[in-house]
Amino acid sequence: MIDLKLLREDPDLVRRSQRSRGEDPELVDALLAADAARRAAVSKADTLRADQKSVSKQVGAASKEDRPAVLARAKDLAAEVKAAEGAQAAAEEAFTAAHMAVSNVIIDGVPAGGEDDFVVLDTVGEPAQLSDPKDHLELGEALGLIDMERGAKVSGSRFYFLTGRGALLQLGLLQLAVRVATQNGFTLMIPPVLVRPEVMAGTGFLGAHSDEIYHLEADDMYLVGTSEVPLAGYHSGEILDLSDGPLRYAGWSSCFRREAGSYGKDTRGIIRVHQFDKVEGFVYCKPEDAEAEHQRLLGWQREMLAHIEVPYRVIDVAAGDLGSSAARKYDCEAWVPTQQAYRELTSTSNCTTFQARRLSTRYRDENGKPQTAATLNGTLATTRWLVAILENHQQPDGSVRVPDALVPYVGASVLEPR
């Protein structure tokens, strides 16, 4: 949820953010009205409760003649308090709904617009000149790394088996991400992949894209699409000690996405699938440290991409392509030769205080007063990276060179056709 102090002091800033996202600025006015109505309802209920308490004290002190009138007034006030408390509860509910409907306020400088309005910040490496390149699935099947056919037989479309050195390649990639993370002060976590509704809602994933999430109705639990979700819930309702700097976690988990509405897009291979593995960095910090921490996350992502030796670019994602929780997001997109395009491998988002406010995660400032923390997240490795590795390191004879950093994990420097 956005900061109400900011909303009240500068509603035009929030309206501009909504417009940049392509979202309805009138939601800001609805929230302002709901906030005013809630405060009025609280004030009225408080006043009536005070009157009721005062009249109740008068009952015992009233004379015999005055007592019936005082009792009658006490009875009337009891009814009025009950009605006012009902109105307050309704106003609180309406306010919460209005508050949850407004996306995070974007950071100054984020490009306005939609998916195609990103700004390229940097381009690293030159795409190799490959004549007649094979795509990652053709390579993966020839090398005995990927089995889509049996994945579909067992689980349906967009499922797969990673086999032999394909499995080793992914495990090596994730272990490399763990090494980079732990060397930089992250605590490694293997979190639950099923979470309660309040945690999923708290991270902002039950909004416009809720149809992407697998929901187990019998248990009212959600399968996570990223370990950002359980890691955000890890400290919910707590007051953190950030006196020594940010708390950094790296979550290794399987992730699940329904990919609703994406039929016909990237259906071949493992670019867009229902299940994948990922190491995700997650950070809690003071709000004033969040932008610097965002740059650090991007730096660690760049370090990982350097290890796998693929050309990539960094983009500043436009406001309309941000999730509701993100105030700014950078993507690193690797070159995919057979598509002659850059495709997303990593994202890192600065969620400012949006998620922590929903999940009641705070820290104590220098005066000991509780304040809302900031949260950030960033991909450090995921299954999709195999696409970029296989396609960019393919050789004319159909083999694939293994990046030097992954050779110890895979046990081979070249993957050759069976």
Protein backbone atom coordinates (compact mmCIF):
# COMPACT_ATOMS: atom_id res chain seq x y z
CA MET A 1 0.00 0.00 0.00
CA ILE A 2 1.15 3.53 -0.67
CA ASP A 3 2.10 5.96 2.10
CA LEU A 4 -1.00 7.89 3.24
CA LYS A 5 1.14 10.83 4.33
CA LEU A 6 2.43 11.15 0.77
CA LEU A 7 -1.11 10.80 -0.59
CA ARG A 8 -2.47 13.56 1.62
CA GLU A 9 0.47 15.92 1.06
CA ASP A 10 0.89 15.44 -2.69
CA PRO A 11 -2.07 13.67 -4.33
CA ASP A 12 -1.03 15.05 -7.73
CA LEU A 13 2.22 13.05 -7.52
CA VAL A 14 0.19 9.86 -7.01
CA ARG A 15 -2.16 10.81 -9.88
CA ARG A 16 0.83 11.35 -12.20
CA SER A 17 2.18 7.95 -11.19
CA GLN A 18 -1.15 6.34 -12.04
CA ARG A 19 -1.22 8.05 -15.45
CA SER A 20 2.35 6.96 -16.19
CA ARG A 21 1.32 3.40 -15.43
CA GLY A 22 -1.72 3.67 -17.68
CA GLU A 23 -3.94 3.20 -14.63
CA ASP A 24 -6.95 5.20 -13.46
CA PRO A 25 -5.99 8.42 -11.60
CA GLU A 26 -9.54 8.60 -10.22
CA LEU A 27 -8.57 5.76 -7.89
CA VAL A 28 -6.53 8.38 -6.04
CA ASP A 29 -9.60 10.54 -5.50
CA ALA A 30 -11.56 7.48 -4.40
CA LEU A 31 -8.85 6.73 -1.85
CA LEU A 32 -8.80 10.32 -0.59
CA ALA A 33 -12.58 10.22 -0.15
CA ALA A 34 -12.43 6.83 1.58
CA ASP A 35 -9.67 8.10 3.87
CA ALA A 36 -11.75 11.16 4.83
CA ALA A 37 -14.86 9.03 5.38
CA ARG A 38 -12.93 6.58 7.53
CA ARG A 39 -11.45 9.34 9.71
CA ALA A 40 -14.89 10.96 10.07
CA ALA A 41 -16.41 7.61 11.07
CA VAL A 42 -13.65 6.97 13.61
CA SER A 43 -14.08 10.46 15.08
CA LYS A 44 -17.85 10.08 15.36
CA ALA A 45 -17.58 6.66 17.01
CA ASP A 46 -14.94 7.94 19.44
CA THR A 47 -17.08 10.95 20.38
CA LEU A 48 -20.16 8.81 20.97
CA ARG A 49 -18.19 6.32 23.07
CA ALA A 50 -16.88 9.19 25.20
CA ASP A 51 -20.46 10.51 25.62
CA GLN A 52 -21.66 7.03 26.53
CA LYS A 53 -18.93 6.67 29.16
CA SER A 54 -19.78 10.08 30.62
CA VAL A 55 -23.53 9.34 30.81
CA SER A 56 -22.85 5.91 32.33
CA LYS A 57 -21.00 7.66 35.16
CA GLN A 58 -23.98 9.95 35.67
CA VAL A 59 -26.40 7.07 36.24
CA GLY A 60 -25.12 6.26 39.72
CA ALA A 61 -24.98 9.92 40.75
CA ALA A 62 -28.40 10.86 39.35
CA SER A 63 -31.28 11.64 41.67
CA LYS A 64 -34.32 9.40 41.74
CA GLU A 65 -36.22 11.90 39.63
CA ASP A 66 -33.44 12.32 37.02
CA ARG A 67 -32.37 8.68 36.77
CA PRO A 68 -35.06 7.54 34.21
CA ALA A 69 -33.99 10.28 31.81
CA VAL A 70 -30.30 9.50 32.29
CA LEU A 71 -30.97 5.78 31.75
CA ALA A 72 -32.96 6.56 28.61
CA ARG A 73 -30.11 8.71 27.31
CA ALA A 74 -27.63 5.92 28.10
CA LYS A 75 -29.81 3.45 26.16
CA ASP A 76 -30.02 5.81 23.18
CA LEU A 77 -26.29 6.34 23.23
CA ALA A 78 -25.67 2.59 23.33
CA ALA A 79 -27.70 2.22 20.13
CA GLU A 80 -25.91 5.18 18.54
CA VAL A 81 -22.50 3.74 19.46
CA LYS A 82 -23.45 0.37 17.97
CA ALA A 83 -24.56 2.04 14.74
CA ALA A 84 -21.45 4.23 14.64
CA GLU A 85 -19.17 1.24 15.16
CA GLY A 86 -20.93 -0.55 12.32
CA ALA A 87 -20.44 2.50 10.11
CA GLN A 88 -16.78 2.68 11.17
CA ALA A 89 -16.23 -0.97 10.26
CA ALA A 90 -17.83 -0.40 6.85
CA ALA A 91 -15.73 2.72 6.31
CA GLU A 92 -12.56 0.84 7.30
CA GLU A 93 -13.39 -1.94 4.83
CA ALA A 94 -14.08 0.54 2.02
CA PHE A 95 -10.87 2.40 2.83
CA THR A 96 -8.77 -0.79 2.77
CA ALA A 97 -10.21 -1.78 -0.59
CA ALA A 98 -9.50 1.70 -2.00
CA HIS A 99 -5.99 1.68 -0.53
CA MET A 100 -5.19 -1.74 -2.01
CA ALA A 101 -6.39 -0.60 -5.45
CA VAL A 102 -3.68 2.05 -5.92
CA SER A 103 -0.34 0.80 -7.24
CA ASN A 104 3.00 1.86 -5.82
CA VAL A 105 4.14 5.38 -6.68
CA ILE A 106 6.83 5.19 -9.33
CA ILE A 107 10.27 6.70 -8.71
CA ASP A 108 11.12 9.90 -10.51
CA GLY A 109 12.72 9.12 -13.88
CA VAL A 110 10.89 5.88 -14.61
CA PRO A 111 9.78 5.95 -18.28
CA ALA A 112 6.06 6.42 -18.84
CA GLY A 113 4.19 4.06 -21.14
CA GLY A 114 3.83 0.35 -21.72
CA GLU A 115 5.83 -2.75 -22.59
CA ASP A 116 7.62 -1.20 -25.58
CA ASP A 117 8.51 2.11 -23.90
CA PHE A 118 11.53 0.92 -21.90
CA VAL A 119 14.84 2.78 -21.99
CA VAL A 120 18.07 0.89 -22.75
CA LEU A 121 20.65 1.79 -20.07
CA ASP A 122 23.55 -0.39 -21.20
CA THR A 123 24.49 -3.06 -23.74
CA VAL A 124 27.22 -5.58 -22.87
CA GLY A 125 28.95 -7.89 -25.34
CA GLU A 126 28.53 -8.45 -29.06
CA PRO A 127 26.22 -11.19 -30.39
CA ALA A 128 28.19 -13.92 -32.12
CA GLN A 129 27.73 -14.23 -35.87
CA LEU A 130 26.18 -17.67 -36.22
CA SER A 131 25.20 -19.11 -39.56
CA ASP A 132 21.97 -21.10 -39.37
CA PRO A 133 21.83 -21.28 -35.53
CA LYS A 134 19.78 -23.99 -33.87
CA ASP A 135 17.30 -23.03 -31.16
CA HIS A 136 17.71 -24.16 -27.56
CA LEU A 137 15.19 -26.99 -27.86
CA GLU A 138 16.78 -28.53 -30.94
CA LEU A 139 20.15 -28.32 -29.21
CA GLY A 140 18.77 -29.58 -25.90
CA GLU A 141 17.13 -32.62 -27.48
CA ALA A 142 20.17 -33.49 -29.60
CA LEU A 143 22.43 -33.21 -26.57
CA GLY A 144 20.12 -35.21 -24.30
CA LEU A 145 19.47 -32.23 -22.00
CA ILE A 146 15.74 -31.53 -22.40
CA ASP A 147 12.77 -33.86 -22.91
CA MET A 148 9.60 -31.89 -23.69
CA GLU A 149 7.70 -34.84 -25.16
CA ARG A 150 7.76 -36.90 -21.97
CA GLY A 151 7.18 -33.77 -19.90
CA ALA A 152 3.92 -33.26 -21.80
CA LYS A 153 3.06 -36.95 -21.47
CA VAL A 154 3.46 -36.83 -17.69
CA SER A 155 2.15 -33.34 -16.86
CA GLY A 156 0.75 -31.66 -19.97
CA SER A 157 1.95 -28.85 -22.20
CA ARG A 158 4.71 -26.51 -21.02
CA PHE A 159 6.22 -29.10 -18.70
CA TYR A 160 9.56 -30.80 -19.36
CA PHE A 161 12.29 -33.01 -17.98
CA LEU A 162 15.85 -31.75 -17.65
CA THR A 163 17.96 -34.86 -18.18
CA GLY A 164 21.58 -35.82 -17.63
CA ARG A 165 23.87 -32.87 -18.09
CA GLY A 166 20.84 -30.64 -18.66
CA ALA A 167 19.98 -31.18 -15.00
CA LEU A 168 23.62 -30.67 -14.02
CA LEU A 169 23.74 -27.45 -16.03
CA GLN A 170 20.75 -26.03 -14.18
CA LEU A 171 21.96 -27.18 -10.77
CA GLY A 172 25.40 -25.74 -11.50
CA LEU A 173 23.86 -22.42 -12.52
CA LEU A 174 21.82 -22.24 -9.32
CA GLN A 175 24.78 -23.25 -7.17
CA LEU A 176 26.85 -20.53 -8.82
CA ALA A 177 24.10 -18.03 -7.95
CA VAL A 178 24.16 -19.26 -4.35
CA ARG A 179 27.92 -18.79 -4.21
CA VAL A 180 27.69 -15.23 -5.54
CA ALA A 181 24.87 -14.45 -3.11
CA THR A 182 26.47 -15.89 0.02
CA GLN A 183 29.82 -14.25 -0.76
CA ASN A 184 27.96 -10.94 -0.79
CA GLY A 185 26.24 -11.31 2.55
CA PHE A 186 22.99 -13.05 1.58
CA THR A 187 21.55 -15.71 3.87
CA LEU A 188 20.56 -18.76 1.83
CA MET A 189 16.94 -19.87 2.28
CA ILE A 190 14.91 -22.79 0.94
CA PRO A 191 11.39 -21.46 1.57
CA PRO A 192 7.93 -23.04 1.39
CA VAL A 193 6.37 -22.84 -2.07
CA LEU A 194 2.81 -22.83 -0.71
CA VAL A 195 1.68 -19.65 1.03
CA ARG A 196 -1.40 -18.27 2.74
CA PRO A 197 -3.66 -15.77 0.92
CA GLU A 198 -2.64 -12.87 3.16
CA VAL A 199 1.03 -13.34 2.21
CA MET A 200 0.29 -13.57 -1.51
CA ALA A 201 -1.94 -10.48 -1.27
CA GLY A 202 0.66 -8.67 0.83
CA THR A 203 3.26 -8.93 -1.91
CA GLY A 204 0.83 -7.52 -4.49
CA PHE A 205 0.35 -10.64 -6.62
CA LEU A 206 -3.42 -10.97 -6.22
CA GLY A 207 -4.24 -7.93 -8.34
CA ALA A 208 -4.42 -7.68 -12.12
CA HIS A 209 -2.30 -10.82 -12.65
CA SER A 210 -3.95 -13.13 -10.13
CA ASP A 211 -4.94 -15.47 -12.97
CA GLU A 212 -1.22 -16.32 -13.30
CA ILE A 213 -1.21 -18.01 -9.88
CA TYR A 214 -2.07 -21.62 -9.04
CA HIS A 215 -4.64 -21.70 -6.22
CA LEU A 216 -5.37 -24.87 -4.21
CA GLU A 217 -9.00 -24.27 -3.32
CA ALA A 218 -9.34 -27.16 -0.85
CA ASP A 219 -6.55 -25.71 1.30
CA ASP A 220 -6.89 -22.02 0.33
CA MET A 221 -3.17 -21.91 -0.41
CA TYR A 222 -1.21 -20.51 -3.35
CA LEU A 223 1.77 -21.96 -5.21
CA VAL A 224 4.41 -19.24 -5.53
CA GLY A 225 5.70 -17.92 -8.84
CA THR A 226 8.83 -16.63 -7.10
CA SER A 227 10.41 -17.05 -3.67
CA GLU A 228 10.01 -13.29 -3.31
CA VAL A 229 6.58 -14.15 -1.88
CA PRO A 230 7.56 -16.36 1.09
CA LEU A 231 10.64 -14.23 1.75
CA ALA A 232 8.45 -11.11 1.93
CA GLY A 233 6.21 -12.94 4.39
CA TYR A 234 9.14 -14.21 6.45
CA HIS A 235 9.30 -11.06 8.59
CA SER A 236 5.64 -10.03 8.36
CA GLY A 237 4.34 -8.48 11.57
CA GLU A 238 7.89 -8.02 12.90
CA ILE A 239 10.15 -5.11 13.84
CA LEU A 240 13.58 -5.66 12.30
CA ASP A 241 17.01 -4.60 13.47
CA LEU A 242 18.51 -2.76 10.48
CA SER A 243 21.11 -0.89 12.51
CA ASP A 244 23.91 -2.88 10.85
CA GLY A 245 22.52 -2.44 7.35
CA PRO A 246 20.11 -4.32 5.05
CA LEU A 247 18.98 -7.90 5.62
CA ARG A 248 19.61 -9.93 2.45
CA TYR A 249 18.17 -13.36 1.69
CA ALA A 250 18.61 -15.64 -1.32
CA GLY A 251 15.71 -18.04 -1.84
CA TRP A 252 16.17 -21.24 -3.87
CA SER A 253 12.82 -22.69 -4.90
CA SER A 254 10.71 -24.25 -7.58
CA CYS A 255 8.28 -21.70 -9.01
CA PHE A 256 4.88 -22.16 -10.65
CA ARG A 257 3.00 -19.96 -13.11
CA ARG A 258 -0.18 -20.69 -15.00
CA GLU A 259 0.89 -18.49 -17.92
CA ALA A 260 -2.78 -17.61 -18.44
CA GLY A 261 -3.42 -15.61 -21.59
CA SER A 262 -0.02 -16.43 -23.08
CA TYR A 263 -1.17 -19.15 -25.47
CA GLY A 264 0.73 -18.90 -28.73
CA LYS A 265 3.63 -17.05 -27.09
CA ASP A 266 6.92 -18.88 -26.64
CA THR A 267 5.22 -22.26 -26.61
CA ARG A 268 8.33 -23.98 -27.97
CA GLY A 269 10.92 -25.07 -25.45
CA ILE A 270 11.50 -23.74 -21.95
CA ILE A 271 11.19 -19.98 -22.35
CA ARG A 272 7.67 -19.78 -20.91
CA VAL A 273 6.74 -22.80 -18.80
CA HIS A 274 4.54 -23.70 -15.84
CA GLN A 275 7.33 -24.83 -13.50
CA PHE A 276 10.94 -23.72 -13.18
CA ASP A 277 13.65 -23.30 -10.57
CA LYS A 278 15.10 -19.99 -9.45
CA VAL A 279 17.45 -18.32 -6.98
CA GLU A 280 15.90 -15.00 -5.98
CA GLY A 281 17.55 -12.27 -3.96
CA PHE A 282 15.35 -10.43 -1.46
CA VAL A 283 16.32 -7.43 0.65
CA TYR A 284 14.89 -5.56 3.65
CA CYS A 285 16.37 -2.13 4.23
CA LYS A 286 15.65 1.41 5.38
CA PRO A 287 13.73 3.41 2.74
CA GLU A 288 16.61 5.87 2.31
CA ASP A 289 18.92 2.96 1.38
CA ALA A 290 16.59 1.34 -1.16
CA GLU A 291 17.81 3.01 -4.36
CA ALA A 292 21.46 2.22 -3.59
CA GLU A 293 20.49 -1.36 -2.74
CA HIS A 294 18.65 -1.58 -6.06
CA GLN A 295 21.88 -0.75 -7.88
CA ARG A 296 23.71 -3.40 -5.83
CA LEU A 297 21.17 -6.05 -6.86
CA LEU A 298 21.62 -5.06 -10.49
CA GLY A 299 25.38 -5.32 -10.03
CA TRP A 300 25.12 -8.88 -8.70
CA GLN A 301 22.90 -9.80 -11.64
CA ARG A 302 25.52 -8.39 -14.01
CA GLU A 303 28.16 -10.49 -12.22
CA MET A 304 26.08 -13.63 -12.81
CA LEU A 305 25.57 -12.79 -16.50
CA ALA A 306 29.31 -12.25 -16.88
CA HIS A 307 29.84 -15.77 -15.51
CA ILE A 308 27.64 -17.32 -18.22
CA GLU A 309 29.32 -15.22 -20.93
CA VAL A 310 26.30 -14.07 -22.93
CA PRO A 311 25.60 -10.70 -24.58
CA TYR A 312 22.91 -8.74 -22.76
CA ARG A 313 21.37 -5.34 -22.28
CA VAL A 314 19.96 -3.56 -19.23
CA ILE A 315 16.63 -1.76 -19.55
CA ASP A 316 14.70 0.63 -17.33
CA VAL A 317 11.21 -0.85 -17.51
CA ALA A 318 8.38 1.55 -18.34
CA ALA A 319 5.77 2.33 -15.69
CA GLY A 320 2.96 0.53 -17.49
CA ASP A 321 4.96 -2.71 -17.51
CA LEU A 322 5.69 -2.67 -13.77
CA GLY A 323 3.90 -4.90 -11.32
CA SER A 324 1.73 -3.06 -8.83
CA SER A 325 4.36 -3.39 -6.07
CA ALA A 326 7.35 -2.06 -8.01
CA ALA A 327 8.32 1.60 -7.98
CA ARG A 328 11.14 0.89 -10.45
CA LYS A 329 12.36 -2.23 -12.22
CA TYR A 330 15.48 -3.02 -14.22
CA ASP A 331 15.57 -6.04 -16.53
CA CYS A 332 18.66 -7.72 -17.95
CA GLU A 333 17.83 -9.22 -21.33
CA ALA A 334 20.14 -11.75 -23.00
CA TRP A 335 20.57 -12.07 -26.75
CA VAL A 336 18.78 -15.10 -28.24
CA PRO A 337 20.31 -15.81 -31.66
CA THR A 338 17.41 -17.73 -33.20
CA GLN A 339 14.98 -14.96 -32.28
CA GLN A 340 17.40 -12.16 -33.20
CA ALA A 341 16.14 -10.41 -30.09
CA TYR A 342 16.96 -9.73 -26.47
CA ARG A 343 14.84 -11.68 -23.98
CA GLU A 344 14.47 -11.15 -20.25
CA LEU A 345 16.69 -13.22 -17.97
CA THR A 346 16.60 -11.14 -14.80
CA SER A 347 14.45 -8.53 -13.13
CA THR A 348 15.16 -6.47 -10.05
CA SER A 349 12.47 -4.34 -8.45
CA ASN A 350 12.53 -1.63 -5.81
CA CYS A 351 9.20 -1.99 -4.03
CA THR A 352 9.95 0.86 -1.57
CA THR A 353 7.60 0.52 1.44
CA PHE A 354 4.65 -0.87 -0.53
CA GLN A 355 4.91 -4.56 0.41
CA ALA A 356 6.21 -3.97 3.93
CA ARG A 357 3.28 -1.68 4.70
CA ARG A 358 0.83 -4.41 3.65
CA LEU A 359 2.72 -7.04 5.65
CA SER A 360 3.44 -4.78 8.66
CA THR A 361 7.21 -5.16 8.49
CA ARG A 362 8.99 -2.37 10.33
CA TYR A 363 12.31 -1.32 11.82
CA ARG A 364 13.29 1.14 14.55
CA ASP A 365 14.78 4.48 13.55
CA GLU A 366 17.59 6.22 15.46
CA ASN A 367 15.00 7.45 17.98
CA GLY A 368 13.63 3.96 18.57
CA LYS A 369 10.38 4.72 16.75
CA PRO A 370 8.96 1.98 14.48
CA GLN A 371 9.03 2.87 10.76
CA THR A 372 7.96 0.94 7.66
CA ALA A 373 10.84 -0.92 5.99
CA ALA A 374 11.56 -1.07 2.25
CA THR A 375 11.80 -4.31 0.24
CA LEU A 376 13.57 -5.20 -2.99
CA ASN A 377 13.94 -8.34 -5.06
CA GLY A 378 16.10 -9.57 -7.92
CA THR A 379 16.64 -12.76 -9.93
CA LEU A 380 20.09 -14.32 -9.60
CA ALA A 381 19.51 -17.39 -11.82
CA THR A 382 16.62 -19.33 -13.28
CA THR A 383 15.83 -22.16 -15.69
CA ARG A 384 15.31 -19.75 -18.61
CA TRP A 385 19.02 -18.94 -18.54
CA LEU A 386 19.65 -22.33 -20.19
CA VAL A 387 18.10 -20.89 -23.35
CA ALA A 388 20.73 -18.16 -23.58
CA ILE A 389 23.58 -20.48 -22.61
CA LEU A 390 22.74 -23.14 -25.20
CA GLU A 391 22.04 -20.78 -28.08
CA ASN A 392 24.95 -18.39 -27.56
CA HIS A 393 27.56 -21.09 -26.96
CA GLN A 394 26.57 -23.49 -29.75
CA GLN A 395 29.29 -24.69 -32.12
CA PRO A 396 28.98 -25.46 -35.86
CA ASP A 397 29.16 -29.23 -35.17
CA GLY A 398 26.07 -29.09 -32.89
CA SER A 399 28.01 -29.16 -29.64
CA VAL A 400 27.72 -26.47 -26.96
CA ARG A 401 30.60 -24.95 -25.03
CA VAL A 402 30.02 -24.81 -21.27
CA PRO A 403 30.91 -21.42 -19.73
CA ASP A 404 34.09 -21.74 -17.68
CA ALA A 405 32.31 -20.89 -14.42
CA LEU A 406 29.93 -23.83 -14.87
CA VAL A 407 32.45 -26.50 -15.95
CA PRO A 408 33.15 -27.70 -12.37
CA TYR A 409 29.44 -28.28 -11.81
CA VAL A 410 28.70 -29.93 -15.17
CA GLY A 411 31.83 -32.05 -15.36
CA ALA A 412 32.52 -31.20 -19.00
CA SER A 413 33.72 -28.20 -20.99
CA VAL A 414 31.75 -29.17 -24.10
CA LEU A 415 28.34 -30.81 -24.42
CA GLU A 416 28.34 -33.09 -27.45
CA PRO A 417 25.48 -34.77 -29.34
CA ARG A 418 24.68 -38.26 -28.21
